[in-house]
């Protein structure tokens, strides 16, 4: 699956449904923050190495604030940006923020999910 941007709250239905079958990645980013840009690069590098095996989604927090807020509410985890979740059965099996989002941390999180 290609990386898919979430723009509307209804888009989250696809994330939660996909997470019932296997873990999915959900990335929240700020388009104005250099730390977020670095984390998004790590996320994309992981996805390129993964070869499209995992479903991956992202939301731009400033542009789609209601979606970002709904993610925090649904998962019960305080909002941060950048922030990455491994979602399994509509629950956060793992999350990291800022410089803790690396290719290696994503690989490890998915192995443990």
PDB file of N, CA and C in Angstrom:
ATOM      1  N   UNK A   1       0.840  -1.187   0.000  1.00  0.00           N
ATOM      2  CA  UNK A   1       0.000   0.000   0.000  1.00  0.00           C
ATOM      3  C   UNK A   1       0.877   1.240   0.000  1.00  0.00           C
ATOM      4  N   UNK A   2       0.467   2.221  -0.707  1.00  0.00           N
ATOM      5  CA  UNK A   2       1.178   3.504  -0.704  1.00  0.00           C
ATOM      6  C   UNK A   2       0.826   4.270   0.571  1.00  0.00           C
ATOM      7  N   UNK A   3       1.665   5.190   0.909  1.00  0.00           N
ATOM      8  CA  UNK A   3       1.423   6.069   2.045  1.00  0.00           C
ATOM      9  C   UNK A   3       0.191   6.919   1.751  1.00  0.00           C
ATOM     10  N   UNK A   4      -0.738   6.971   2.695  1.00  0.00           N
ATOM     11  CA  UNK A   4      -1.993   7.690   2.469  1.00  0.00           C
ATOM     12  C   UNK A   4      -2.156   8.813   3.485  1.00  0.00           C
ATOM     13  N   UNK A   5      -2.488  10.005   2.981  1.00  0.00           N
ATOM     14  CA  UNK A   5      -2.734  11.149   3.859  1.00  0.00           C
ATOM     15  C   UNK A   5      -4.173  11.115   4.370  1.00  0.00           C
ATOM     16  N   UNK A   6      -4.327  11.397   5.661  1.00  0.00           N
ATOM     17  CA  UNK A   6      -5.640  11.500   6.286  1.00  0.00           C
ATOM     18  C   UNK A   6      -6.012  12.971   6.368  1.00  0.00           C
ATOM     19  N   UNK A   7      -7.147  13.328   5.799  1.00  0.00           N
ATOM     20  CA  UNK A   7      -7.562  14.726   5.737  1.00  0.00           C
ATOM     21  C   UNK A   7      -8.842  14.965   6.537  1.00  0.00           C
ATOM     22  N   UNK A   8      -9.737  14.006   6.513  1.00  0.00           N
ATOM     23  CA  UNK A   8     -11.036  14.112   7.192  1.00  0.00           C
ATOM     24  C   UNK A   8     -11.111  13.081   8.312  1.00  0.00           C
ATOM     25  N   UNK A   9     -11.897  13.372   9.337  1.00  0.00           N
ATOM     26  CA  UNK A   9     -12.054  12.431  10.450  1.00  0.00           C
ATOM     27  C   UNK A   9     -12.533  11.072   9.942  1.00  0.00           C
ATOM     28  N   UNK A  10     -13.405  11.064   8.958  1.00  0.00           N
ATOM     29  CA  UNK A  10     -13.907   9.795   8.411  1.00  0.00           C
ATOM     30  C   UNK A  10     -12.793   8.931   7.820  1.00  0.00           C
ATOM     31  N   UNK A  11     -11.680   9.542   7.432  1.00  0.00           N
ATOM     32  CA  UNK A  11     -10.546   8.781   6.894  1.00  0.00           C
ATOM     33  C   UNK A  11      -9.968   7.822   7.932  1.00  0.00           C
ATOM     34  N   UNK A  12     -10.179   8.113   9.216  1.00  0.00           N
ATOM     35  CA  UNK A  12      -9.641   7.252  10.272  1.00  0.00           C
ATOM     36  C   UNK A  12     -10.274   5.866  10.266  1.00  0.00           C
ATOM     37  N   UNK A  13     -11.470   5.746   9.731  1.00  0.00           N
ATOM     38  CA  UNK A  13     -12.124   4.440   9.665  1.00  0.00           C
ATOM     39  C   UNK A  13     -11.239   3.432   8.948  1.00  0.00           C
ATOM     40  N   UNK A  14     -10.604   3.856   7.877  1.00  0.00           N
ATOM     41  CA  UNK A  14      -9.719   2.953   7.127  1.00  0.00           C
ATOM     42  C   UNK A  14      -8.536   2.501   7.983  1.00  0.00           C
ATOM     43  N   UNK A  15      -7.995   3.413   8.777  1.00  0.00           N
ATOM     44  CA  UNK A  15      -6.868   3.070   9.660  1.00  0.00           C
ATOM     45  C   UNK A  15      -7.307   2.024  10.675  1.00  0.00           C
ATOM     46  N   UNK A  16      -8.414   2.304  11.364  1.00  0.00           N
ATOM     47  CA  UNK A  16      -8.863   1.389  12.419  1.00  0.00           C
ATOM     48  C   UNK A  16      -9.234   0.024  11.844  1.00  0.00           C
ATOM     49  N   UNK A  17      -9.867  -0.006  10.676  1.00  0.00           N
ATOM     50  CA  UNK A  17     -10.223  -1.284  10.048  1.00  0.00           C
ATOM     51  C   UNK A  17      -8.971  -2.062   9.637  1.00  0.00           C
ATOM     52  N   UNK A  18      -8.020  -1.385   9.016  1.00  0.00           N
ATOM     53  CA  UNK A  18      -6.783  -2.053   8.593  1.00  0.00           C
ATOM     54  C   UNK A  18      -6.027  -2.614   9.791  1.00  0.00           C
ATOM     55  N   UNK A  19      -6.096  -1.930  10.932  1.00  0.00           N
ATOM     56  CA  UNK A  19      -5.344  -2.365  12.115  1.00  0.00           C
ATOM     57  C   UNK A  19      -5.922  -3.626  12.743  1.00  0.00           C
ATOM     58  N   UNK A  20      -7.106  -4.034  12.331  1.00  0.00           N
ATOM     59  CA  UNK A  20      -7.691  -5.278  12.841  1.00  0.00           C
ATOM     60  C   UNK A  20      -7.017  -6.498  12.216  1.00  0.00           C
ATOM     61  N   UNK A  21      -6.497  -6.324  10.998  1.00  0.00           N
ATOM     62  CA  UNK A  21      -5.883  -7.437  10.283  1.00  0.00           C
ATOM     63  C   UNK A  21      -4.395  -7.568  10.566  1.00  0.00           C
ATOM     64  N   UNK A  22      -3.722  -6.417  10.707  1.00  0.00           N
ATOM     65  CA  UNK A  22      -2.286  -6.407  10.979  1.00  0.00           C
ATOM     66  C   UNK A  22      -1.911  -5.018  11.484  1.00  0.00           C
ATOM     67  N   UNK A  23      -0.752  -4.887  12.126  1.00  0.00           N
ATOM     68  CA  UNK A  23      -0.343  -3.556  12.595  1.00  0.00           C
ATOM     69  C   UNK A  23      -0.184  -2.582  11.426  1.00  0.00           C
ATOM     70  N   UNK A  24      -0.530  -1.324  11.678  1.00  0.00           N
ATOM     71  CA  UNK A  24      -0.354  -0.258  10.691  1.00  0.00           C
ATOM     72  C   UNK A  24       0.442   0.871  11.335  1.00  0.00           C
ATOM     73  N   UNK A  25       1.037   1.702  10.497  1.00  0.00           N
ATOM     74  CA  UNK A  25       1.778   2.867  10.973  1.00  0.00           C
ATOM     75  C   UNK A  25       0.950   4.118  10.752  1.00  0.00           C
ATOM     76  N   UNK A  26       0.963   4.995  11.756  1.00  0.00           N
ATOM     77  CA  UNK A  26       0.224   6.253  11.695  1.00  0.00           C
ATOM     78  C   UNK A  26       1.140   7.368  12.187  1.00  0.00           C
ATOM     79  N   UNK A  27       1.455   8.295  11.287  1.00  0.00           N
ATOM     80  CA  UNK A  27       2.416   9.365  11.563  1.00  0.00           C
ATOM     81  C   UNK A  27       1.705  10.707  11.608  1.00  0.00           C
ATOM     82  N   UNK A  28       1.985  11.483  12.657  1.00  0.00           N
ATOM     83  CA  UNK A  28       1.460  12.850  12.770  1.00  0.00           C
ATOM     84  C   UNK A  28       2.633  13.802  12.619  1.00  0.00           C
ATOM     85  N   UNK A  29       2.507  14.760  11.715  1.00  0.00           N
ATOM     86  CA  UNK A  29       3.621  15.658  11.459  1.00  0.00           C
ATOM     87  C   UNK A  29       3.202  17.114  11.380  1.00  0.00           C
ATOM     88  N   UNK A  30       4.148  17.962  11.726  1.00  0.00           N
ATOM     89  CA  UNK A  30       4.008  19.398  11.511  1.00  0.00           C
ATOM     90  C   UNK A  30       4.816  19.739  10.269  1.00  0.00           C
ATOM     91  N   UNK A  31       4.194  20.421   9.338  1.00  0.00           N
ATOM     92  CA  UNK A  31       4.888  20.759   8.090  1.00  0.00           C
ATOM     93  C   UNK A  31       5.803  21.968   8.250  1.00  0.00           C
ATOM     94  N   UNK A  32       5.844  22.557   9.445  1.00  0.00           N
ATOM     95  CA  UNK A  32       6.687  23.739   9.668  1.00  0.00           C
ATOM     96  C   UNK A  32       7.850  23.477  10.618  1.00  0.00           C
ATOM     97  N   UNK A  33       8.000  22.255  11.083  1.00  0.00           N
ATOM     98  CA  UNK A  33       9.008  21.929  12.097  1.00  0.00           C
ATOM     99  C   UNK A  33      10.137  21.093  11.495  1.00  0.00           C
ATOM    100  N   UNK A  34      11.393  21.534  11.643  1.00  0.00           N
ATOM    101  CA  UNK A  34      12.502  20.754  11.088  1.00  0.00           C
ATOM    102  C   UNK A  34      12.675  19.387  11.756  1.00  0.00           C
ATOM    103  N   UNK A  35      12.368  19.277  13.038  1.00  0.00           N
ATOM    104  CA  UNK A  35      12.459  17.972  13.705  1.00  0.00           C
ATOM    105  C   UNK A  35      11.421  17.022  13.108  1.00  0.00           C
ATOM    106  N   UNK A  36      10.240  17.551  12.832  1.00  0.00           N
ATOM    107  CA  UNK A  36       9.201  16.749  12.207  1.00  0.00           C
ATOM    108  C   UNK A  36       9.622  16.306  10.805  1.00  0.00           C
ATOM    109  N   UNK A  37      10.265  17.187  10.078  1.00  0.00           N
ATOM    110  CA  UNK A  37      10.753  16.841   8.732  1.00  0.00           C
ATOM    111  C   UNK A  37      11.773  15.711   8.802  1.00  0.00           C
ATOM    112  N   UNK A  38      12.678  15.772   9.773  1.00  0.00           N
ATOM    113  CA  UNK A  38      13.670  14.706   9.941  1.00  0.00           C
ATOM    114  C   UNK A  38      12.995  13.376  10.284  1.00  0.00           C
ATOM    115  N   UNK A  39      12.019  13.418  11.191  1.00  0.00           N
ATOM    116  CA  UNK A  39      11.308  12.200  11.575  1.00  0.00           C
ATOM    117  C   UNK A  39      10.527  11.634  10.389  1.00  0.00           C
ATOM    118  N   UNK A  40       9.917  12.513   9.590  1.00  0.00           N
ATOM    119  CA  UNK A  40       9.174  12.066   8.410  1.00  0.00           C
ATOM    120  C   UNK A  40      10.116  11.416   7.398  1.00  0.00           C
ATOM    121  N   UNK A  41      11.331  11.925   7.289  1.00  0.00           N
ATOM    122  CA  UNK A  41      12.337  11.297   6.425  1.00  0.00           C
ATOM    123  C   UNK A  41      12.660   9.887   6.909  1.00  0.00           C
ATOM    124  N   UNK A  42      12.815   9.708   8.222  1.00  0.00           N
ATOM    125  CA  UNK A  42      13.078   8.380   8.787  1.00  0.00           C
ATOM    126  C   UNK A  42      11.906   7.434   8.484  1.00  0.00           C
ATOM    127  N   UNK A  43      10.707   7.934   8.670  1.00  0.00           N
ATOM    128  CA  UNK A  43       9.486   7.178   8.398  1.00  0.00           C
ATOM    129  C   UNK A  43       9.452   6.738   6.933  1.00  0.00           C
ATOM    130  N   UNK A  44       9.709   7.655   6.022  1.00  0.00           N
ATOM    131  CA  UNK A  44       9.699   7.332   4.591  1.00  0.00           C
ATOM    132  C   UNK A  44      10.821   6.384   4.206  1.00  0.00           C
ATOM    133  N   UNK A  45      11.982   6.535   4.822  1.00  0.00           N
ATOM    134  CA  UNK A  45      13.084   5.603   4.567  1.00  0.00           C
ATOM    135  C   UNK A  45      12.681   4.197   4.980  1.00  0.00           C
ATOM    136  N   UNK A  46      12.057   4.076   6.153  1.00  0.00           N
ATOM    137  CA  UNK A  46      11.574   2.765   6.583  1.00  0.00           C
ATOM    138  C   UNK A  46      10.594   2.197   5.558  1.00  0.00           C
ATOM    139  N   UNK A  47       9.649   3.015   5.105  1.00  0.00           N
ATOM    140  CA  UNK A  47       8.642   2.539   4.155  1.00  0.00           C
ATOM    141  C   UNK A  47       9.269   2.078   2.841  1.00  0.00           C
ATOM    142  N   UNK A  48      10.299   2.774   2.383  1.00  0.00           N
ATOM    143  CA  UNK A  48      10.992   2.356   1.159  1.00  0.00           C
ATOM    144  C   UNK A  48      11.676   1.015   1.368  1.00  0.00           C
ATOM    145  N   UNK A  49      12.310   0.840   2.515  1.00  0.00           N
ATOM    146  CA  UNK A  49      12.983  -0.427   2.813  1.00  0.00           C
ATOM    147  C   UNK A  49      11.970  -1.562   2.976  1.00  0.00           C
ATOM    148  N   UNK A  50      10.802  -1.247   3.505  1.00  0.00           N
ATOM    149  CA  UNK A  50       9.753  -2.234   3.760  1.00  0.00           C
ATOM    150  C   UNK A  50       9.125  -2.741   2.468  1.00  0.00           C
ATOM    151  N   UNK A  51       9.186  -1.964   1.425  1.00  0.00           N
ATOM    152  CA  UNK A  51       8.671  -2.390   0.131  1.00  0.00           C
ATOM    153  C   UNK A  51       7.154  -2.455   0.042  1.00  0.00           C
ATOM    154  N   UNK A  52       6.456  -1.659   0.833  1.00  0.00           N
ATOM    155  CA  UNK A  52       5.004  -1.593   0.735  1.00  0.00           C
ATOM    156  C   UNK A  52       4.253  -2.702   1.432  1.00  0.00           C
ATOM    157  N   UNK A  53       4.910  -3.427   2.333  1.00  0.00           N
ATOM    158  CA  UNK A  53       4.235  -4.523   3.025  1.00  0.00           C
ATOM    159  C   UNK A  53       3.289  -4.046   4.120  1.00  0.00           C
ATOM    160  N   UNK A  54       3.576  -2.889   4.693  1.00  0.00           N
ATOM    161  CA  UNK A  54       2.762  -2.385   5.796  1.00  0.00           C
ATOM    162  C   UNK A  54       1.893  -1.221   5.330  1.00  0.00           C
ATOM    163  N   UNK A  55       0.682  -1.166   5.852  1.00  0.00           N
ATOM    164  CA  UNK A  55      -0.194  -0.029   5.572  1.00  0.00           C
ATOM    165  C   UNK A  55       0.295   1.156   6.388  1.00  0.00           C
ATOM    166  N   UNK A  56       0.412   2.310   5.754  1.00  0.00           N
ATOM    167  CA  UNK A  56       0.953   3.497   6.421  1.00  0.00           C
ATOM    168  C   UNK A  56       0.105   4.718   6.094  1.00  0.00           C
ATOM    169  N   UNK A  57      -0.099   5.525   7.121  1.00  0.00           N
ATOM    170  CA  UNK A  57      -0.941   6.707   7.011  1.00  0.00           C
ATOM    171  C   UNK A  57      -0.237   7.876   7.677  1.00  0.00           C
ATOM    172  N   UNK A  58      -0.583   9.100   7.248  1.00  0.00           N
ATOM    173  CA  UNK A  58      -0.049  10.277   7.927  1.00  0.00           C
ATOM    174  C   UNK A  58      -1.072  11.394   7.925  1.00  0.00           C
ATOM    175  N   UNK A  59      -0.903  12.294   8.885  1.00  0.00           N
ATOM    176  CA  UNK A  59      -1.761  13.471   8.982  1.00  0.00           C
ATOM    177  C   UNK A  59      -0.882  14.686   9.233  1.00  0.00           C
ATOM    178  N   UNK A  60      -1.185  15.759   8.537  1.00  0.00           N
ATOM    179  CA  UNK A  60      -0.525  17.044   8.772  1.00  0.00           C
ATOM    180  C   UNK A  60      -1.326  17.742   9.865  1.00  0.00           C
ATOM    181  N   UNK A  61      -0.710  17.897  11.054  1.00  0.00           N
ATOM    182  CA  UNK A  61      -1.485  18.319  12.216  1.00  0.00           C
ATOM    183  C   UNK A  61      -2.064  19.725  12.099  1.00  0.00           C
ATOM    184  N   UNK A  62      -1.354  20.647  11.501  1.00  0.00           N
ATOM    185  CA  UNK A  62      -1.891  22.012  11.380  1.00  0.00           C
ATOM    186  C   UNK A  62      -3.003  22.090  10.343  1.00  0.00           C
ATOM    187  N   UNK A  63      -2.818  21.393   9.257  1.00  0.00           N
ATOM    188  CA  UNK A  63      -3.785  21.441   8.166  1.00  0.00           C
ATOM    189  C   UNK A  63      -5.037  20.611   8.452  1.00  0.00           C
ATOM    190  N   UNK A  64      -4.888  19.570   9.264  1.00  0.00           N
ATOM    191  CA  UNK A  64      -6.005  18.662   9.566  1.00  0.00           C
ATOM    192  C   UNK A  64      -6.127  18.466  11.074  1.00  0.00           C
ATOM    193  N   UNK A  65      -6.217  19.563  11.802  1.00  0.00           N
ATOM    194  CA  UNK A  65      -6.267  19.528  13.270  1.00  0.00           C
ATOM    195  C   UNK A  65      -7.366  18.615  13.816  1.00  0.00           C
ATOM    196  N   UNK A  66      -8.595  18.630  13.275  1.00  0.00           N
ATOM    197  CA  UNK A  66      -9.619  17.730  13.826  1.00  0.00           C
ATOM    198  C   UNK A  66      -9.223  16.249  13.743  1.00  0.00           C
ATOM    199  N   UNK A  67      -8.544  15.858  12.677  1.00  0.00           N
ATOM    200  CA  UNK A  67      -8.095  14.471  12.535  1.00  0.00           C
ATOM    201  C   UNK A  67      -7.046  14.165  13.599  1.00  0.00           C
ATOM    202  N   UNK A  68      -6.090  15.064  13.767  1.00  0.00           N
ATOM    203  CA  UNK A  68      -5.045  14.892  14.771  1.00  0.00           C
ATOM    204  C   UNK A  68      -5.643  14.772  16.172  1.00  0.00           C
ATOM    205  N   UNK A  69      -6.593  15.639  16.486  1.00  0.00           N
ATOM    206  CA  UNK A  69      -7.241  15.597  17.799  1.00  0.00           C
ATOM    207  C   UNK A  69      -8.008  14.296  17.999  1.00  0.00           C
ATOM    208  N   UNK A  70      -8.652  13.810  16.949  1.00  0.00           N
ATOM    209  CA  UNK A  70      -9.418  12.566  17.051  1.00  0.00           C
ATOM    210  C   UNK A  70      -8.496  11.373  17.286  1.00  0.00           C
ATOM    211  N   UNK A  71      -7.326  11.382  16.670  1.00  0.00           N
ATOM    212  CA  UNK A  71      -6.348  10.312  16.894  1.00  0.00           C
ATOM    213  C   UNK A  71      -5.958  10.279  18.367  1.00  0.00           C
ATOM    214  N   UNK A  72      -5.639  11.441  18.927  1.00  0.00           N
ATOM    215  CA  UNK A  72      -5.261  11.514  20.344  1.00  0.00           C
ATOM    216  C   UNK A  72      -6.390  10.983  21.225  1.00  0.00           C
ATOM    217  N   UNK A  73      -7.613  11.365  20.902  1.00  0.00           N
ATOM    218  CA  UNK A  73      -8.760  10.910  21.694  1.00  0.00           C
ATOM    219  C   UNK A  73      -8.982   9.407  21.537  1.00  0.00           C
ATOM    220  N   UNK A  74      -8.983   8.913  20.309  1.00  0.00           N
ATOM    221  CA  UNK A  74      -9.255   7.492  20.067  1.00  0.00           C
ATOM    222  C   UNK A  74      -8.189   6.587  20.673  1.00  0.00           C
ATOM    223  N   UNK A  75      -6.934   7.007  20.601  1.00  0.00           N
ATOM    224  CA  UNK A  75      -5.846   6.177  21.116  1.00  0.00           C
ATOM    225  C   UNK A  75      -5.539   6.456  22.585  1.00  0.00           C
ATOM    226  N   UNK A  76      -6.065   7.556  23.114  1.00  0.00           N
ATOM    227  CA  UNK A  76      -5.838   7.885  24.523  1.00  0.00           C
ATOM    228  C   UNK A  76      -4.412   8.287  24.831  1.00  0.00           C
ATOM    229  N   UNK A  77      -3.746   8.882  23.854  1.00  0.00           N
ATOM    230  CA  UNK A  77      -2.350   9.299  24.029  1.00  0.00           C
ATOM    231  C   UNK A  77      -2.243  10.772  23.689  1.00  0.00           C
ATOM    232  N   UNK A  78      -1.602  11.524  24.585  1.00  0.00           N
ATOM    233  CA  UNK A  78      -1.453  12.966  24.419  1.00  0.00           C
ATOM    234  C   UNK A  78      -0.783  13.288  23.091  1.00  0.00           C
ATOM    235  N   UNK A  79      -1.301  14.321  22.432  1.00  0.00           N
ATOM    236  CA  UNK A  79      -0.771  14.772  21.147  1.00  0.00           C
ATOM    237  C   UNK A  79       0.661  15.275  21.274  1.00  0.00           C
ATOM    238  N   UNK A  80       1.480  14.872  20.326  1.00  0.00           N
ATOM    239  CA  UNK A  80       2.810  15.429  20.120  1.00  0.00           C
ATOM    240  C   UNK A  80       3.027  15.500  18.614  1.00  0.00           C
ATOM    241  N   UNK A  81       4.005  16.258  18.212  1.00  0.00           N
ATOM    242  CA  UNK A  81       4.333  16.335  16.793  1.00  0.00           C
ATOM    243  C   UNK A  81       5.821  16.642  16.645  1.00  0.00           C
ATOM    244  N   UNK A  82       6.498  15.777  15.923  1.00  0.00           N
ATOM    245  CA  UNK A  82       6.029  14.587  15.225  1.00  0.00           C
ATOM    246  C   UNK A  82       5.724  13.460  16.208  1.00  0.00           C
ATOM    247  N   UNK A  83       4.890  12.552  15.764  1.00  0.00           N
ATOM    248  CA  UNK A  83       4.501  11.408  16.582  1.00  0.00           C
ATOM    249  C   UNK A  83       4.177  10.249  15.649  1.00  0.00           C
ATOM    250  N   UNK A  84       4.647   9.067  16.030  1.00  0.00           N
ATOM    251  CA  UNK A  84       4.408   7.868  15.225  1.00  0.00           C
ATOM    252  C   UNK A  84       3.802   6.789  16.104  1.00  0.00           C
ATOM    253  N   UNK A  85       2.784   6.139  15.571  1.00  0.00           N
ATOM    254  CA  UNK A  85       2.118   5.042  16.272  1.00  0.00           C
ATOM    255  C   UNK A  85       2.206   3.768  15.449  1.00  0.00           C
ATOM    256  N   UNK A  86       2.374   2.645  16.136  1.00  0.00           N
ATOM    257  CA  UNK A  86       2.050   1.341  15.577  1.00  0.00           C
ATOM    258  C   UNK A  86       0.672   1.033  16.152  1.00  0.00           C
ATOM    259  N   UNK A  87      -0.316   0.911  15.269  1.00  0.00           N
ATOM    260  CA  UNK A  87      -1.695   0.685  15.700  1.00  0.00           C
ATOM    261  C   UNK A  87      -2.070  -0.756  15.390  1.00  0.00           C
ATOM    262  N   UNK A  88      -2.586  -1.428  16.414  1.00  0.00           N
ATOM    263  CA  UNK A  88      -3.028  -2.813  16.266  1.00  0.00           C
ATOM    264  C   UNK A  88      -4.382  -2.936  16.962  1.00  0.00           C
ATOM    265  N   UNK A  89      -5.388  -3.373  16.233  1.00  0.00           N
ATOM    266  CA  UNK A  89      -6.745  -3.489  16.780  1.00  0.00           C
ATOM    267  C   UNK A  89      -7.244  -2.178  17.380  1.00  0.00           C
ATOM    268  N   UNK A  90      -6.980  -1.082  16.677  1.00  0.00           N
ATOM    269  CA  UNK A  90      -7.414   0.269  17.066  1.00  0.00           C
ATOM    270  C   UNK A  90      -6.821   0.707  18.398  1.00  0.00           C
ATOM    271  N   UNK A  91      -5.677   0.144  18.768  1.00  0.00           N
ATOM    272  CA  UNK A  91      -4.961   0.552  19.971  1.00  0.00           C
ATOM    273  C   UNK A  91      -3.518   0.833  19.603  1.00  0.00           C
ATOM    274  N   UNK A  92      -2.910   1.743  20.334  1.00  0.00           N
ATOM    275  CA  UNK A  92      -1.498   2.048  20.106  1.00  0.00           C
ATOM    276  C   UNK A  92      -0.654   0.960  20.761  1.00  0.00           C
ATOM    277  N   UNK A  93      -0.052   0.115  19.938  1.00  0.00           N
ATOM    278  CA  UNK A  93       0.851  -0.911  20.450  1.00  0.00           C
ATOM    279  C   UNK A  93       2.205  -0.302  20.797  1.00  0.00           C
ATOM    280  N   UNK A  94       2.495   0.865  20.191  1.00  0.00           N
ATOM    281  CA  UNK A  94       3.770   1.570  20.398  1.00  0.00           C
ATOM    282  C   UNK A  94       3.598   2.981  19.889  1.00  0.00           C
ATOM    283  N   UNK A  95       4.318   3.914  20.513  1.00  0.00           N
ATOM    284  CA  UNK A  95       4.375   5.265  19.970  1.00  0.00           C
ATOM    285  C   UNK A  95       5.689   5.906  20.346  1.00  0.00           C
ATOM    286  N   UNK A  96       6.116   6.830  19.514  1.00  0.00           N
ATOM    287  CA  UNK A  96       7.358   7.569  19.747  1.00  0.00           C
ATOM    288  C   UNK A  96       7.175   8.968  19.188  1.00  0.00           C
ATOM    289  N   UNK A  97       8.015   9.863  19.670  1.00  0.00           N
ATOM    290  CA  UNK A  97       7.948  11.226  19.154  1.00  0.00           C
ATOM    291  C   UNK A  97       9.348  11.780  18.965  1.00  0.00           C
ATOM    292  N   UNK A  98       9.394  12.838  18.193  1.00  0.00           N
ATOM    293  CA  UNK A  98      10.600  13.616  17.942  1.00  0.00           C
ATOM    294  C   UNK A  98      11.764  12.737  17.474  1.00  0.00           C
ATOM    295  N   UNK A  99      12.918  12.856  18.104  1.00  0.00           N
ATOM    296  CA  UNK A  99      14.123  12.162  17.627  1.00  0.00           C
ATOM    297  C   UNK A  99      14.109  10.662  17.917  1.00  0.00           C
ATOM    298  N   UNK A 100      13.094  10.180  18.621  1.00  0.00           N
ATOM    299  CA  UNK A 100      12.998   8.736  18.872  1.00  0.00           C
ATOM    300  C   UNK A 100      12.385   8.000  17.680  1.00  0.00           C
ATOM    301  N   UNK A 101      11.954   8.761  16.675  1.00  0.00           N
ATOM    302  CA  UNK A 101      11.405   8.150  15.454  1.00  0.00           C
ATOM    303  C   UNK A 101      12.562   7.915  14.492  1.00  0.00           C
ATOM    304  N   UNK A 102      13.004   6.669  14.422  1.00  0.00           N
ATOM    305  CA  UNK A 102      14.107   6.289  13.537  1.00  0.00           C
ATOM    306  C   UNK A 102      13.731   5.004  12.797  1.00  0.00           C
ATOM    307  N   UNK A 103      14.452   4.726  11.743  1.00  0.00           N
ATOM    308  CA  UNK A 103      14.227   3.479  11.004  1.00  0.00           C
ATOM    309  C   UNK A 103      14.346   2.292  11.949  1.00  0.00           C
ATOM    310  N   UNK A 104      15.389   2.276  12.774  1.00  0.00           N
ATOM    311  CA  UNK A 104      15.603   1.147  13.682  1.00  0.00           C
ATOM    312  C   UNK A 104      14.509   1.031  14.736  1.00  0.00           C
ATOM    313  N   UNK A 105      14.048   2.172  15.281  1.00  0.00           N
ATOM    314  CA  UNK A 105      12.996   2.097  16.304  1.00  0.00           C
ATOM    315  C   UNK A 105      11.687   1.588  15.699  1.00  0.00           C
ATOM    316  N   UNK A 106      11.417   1.945  14.455  1.00  0.00           N
ATOM    317  CA  UNK A 106      10.203   1.463  13.788  1.00  0.00           C
ATOM    318  C   UNK A 106      10.299  -0.046  13.559  1.00  0.00           C
ATOM    319  N   UNK A 107      11.443  -0.509  13.090  1.00  0.00           N
ATOM    320  CA  UNK A 107      11.634  -1.951  12.877  1.00  0.00           C
ATOM    321  C   UNK A 107      11.425  -2.724  14.172  1.00  0.00           C
ATOM    322  N   UNK A 108      12.032  -2.239  15.244  1.00  0.00           N
ATOM    323  CA  UNK A 108      11.917  -2.914  16.540  1.00  0.00           C
ATOM    324  C   UNK A 108      10.469  -2.913  17.031  1.00  0.00           C
ATOM    325  N   UNK A 109       9.796  -1.787  16.884  1.00  0.00           N
ATOM    326  CA  UNK A 109       8.402  -1.694  17.331  1.00  0.00           C
ATOM    327  C   UNK A 109       7.513  -2.684  16.586  1.00  0.00           C
ATOM    328  N   UNK A 110       7.723  -2.818  15.296  1.00  0.00           N
ATOM    329  CA  UNK A 110       6.899  -3.741  14.513  1.00  0.00           C
ATOM    330  C   UNK A 110       7.208  -5.196  14.846  1.00  0.00           C
ATOM    331  N   UNK A 111       8.453  -5.492  15.176  1.00  0.00           N
ATOM    332  CA  UNK A 111       8.797  -6.855  15.580  1.00  0.00           C
ATOM    333  C   UNK A 111       8.102  -7.229  16.883  1.00  0.00           C
ATOM    334  N   UNK A 112       7.896  -6.234  17.750  1.00  0.00           N
ATOM    335  CA  UNK A 112       7.290  -6.483  19.056  1.00  0.00           C
ATOM    336  C   UNK A 112       5.773  -6.315  19.066  1.00  0.00           C
ATOM    337  N   UNK A 113       5.208  -5.870  17.953  1.00  0.00           N
ATOM    338  CA  UNK A 113       3.749  -5.589  17.923  1.00  0.00           C
ATOM    339  C   UNK A 113       2.935  -6.867  17.809  1.00  0.00           C
TER     340      UNK A 113
END
